Amino acid sequence: MPQFPRYAIYFVPSAQNALYRFGADLLGYDAYSGKPLPFADGIEMEIEGWKQLTVDPRKYGFHATLKAPISLKPDKTEDELARAMRKFARTPRAVPQITPVVRAIASFIAVVPRDSCPDLQRLADDCVTVFDDFRASLTPEDRDRRNVSALTDEQVMHLDRWGYPYVFEDFRFHMTLTGSLPAERRTELLDVLQKRFAALDLQSASIDRLALLRQSDATSNFTIVSDWQLVAA
């Protein structure tokens, strides 16, 4: 079983950002306050069973993963991780810019970049490697939960080295809006969510922040401990 607390390094837009409000209101959870939110106006009438369809992503808050949830090594502390993240954020870099769109990824729906973005790939790669010294080794139970038989050889290698299979060439930036959907409902939900997103008329988004989130125990949601603006080169 995972060791708690667990920590994650995510991109989370600022609390008042239109993209954040869109995602947080759909999920019904604000990772900044750690409190539930009323669902976006009318979504429960438009989509039957919306609350149940968003149970899984609600636990993590509206975010994009840069370093997947970890338990800390016994000799590492939350404060040390936060200091390392602050230093990382203050190191000038090209701040990624994307055109966000809503698409289906496998069995769920998410906000994703319309086009590939090398700066975003570089940011994600750096987060995987720079902060790995804080990560406790996977327990056998954690490894088994990853359904290793369904992974490629490369993904298994990444899982064993970095604690997570979907890194580097397998990384896909996404901000999840639903849990896994049955195939017969995917088109219906995608249509509704794309129309709602189009109403924002959001032509670009800066991936300009790092957030440190904590999950206190197996039943709790991830909440934001601290966040930092990236310094542009």
Foldseek 3Di string as FASTA:
>chain_A
DADPWKKFKWQAPPPPDPVQCLQLQQLQADQAVLDGHHHDPPPCVLDPPSNVFNPVLSLAGFTWGLAPIADFDPVDDPVNLVVLVQVQQAPADAWWKFFWAWDDDQQFIWIFGPDDIPSVLVSSQCSQPVRQNGGDADDPVLLVVVVVVPDDPQQNVCCRPRVGRQHRVNDGTTGTRGHGHDPVCVVSVSVVSRVVVVVVVRGMDTSFKIFMWIDGDDPGGTHTPDMDGHHHD
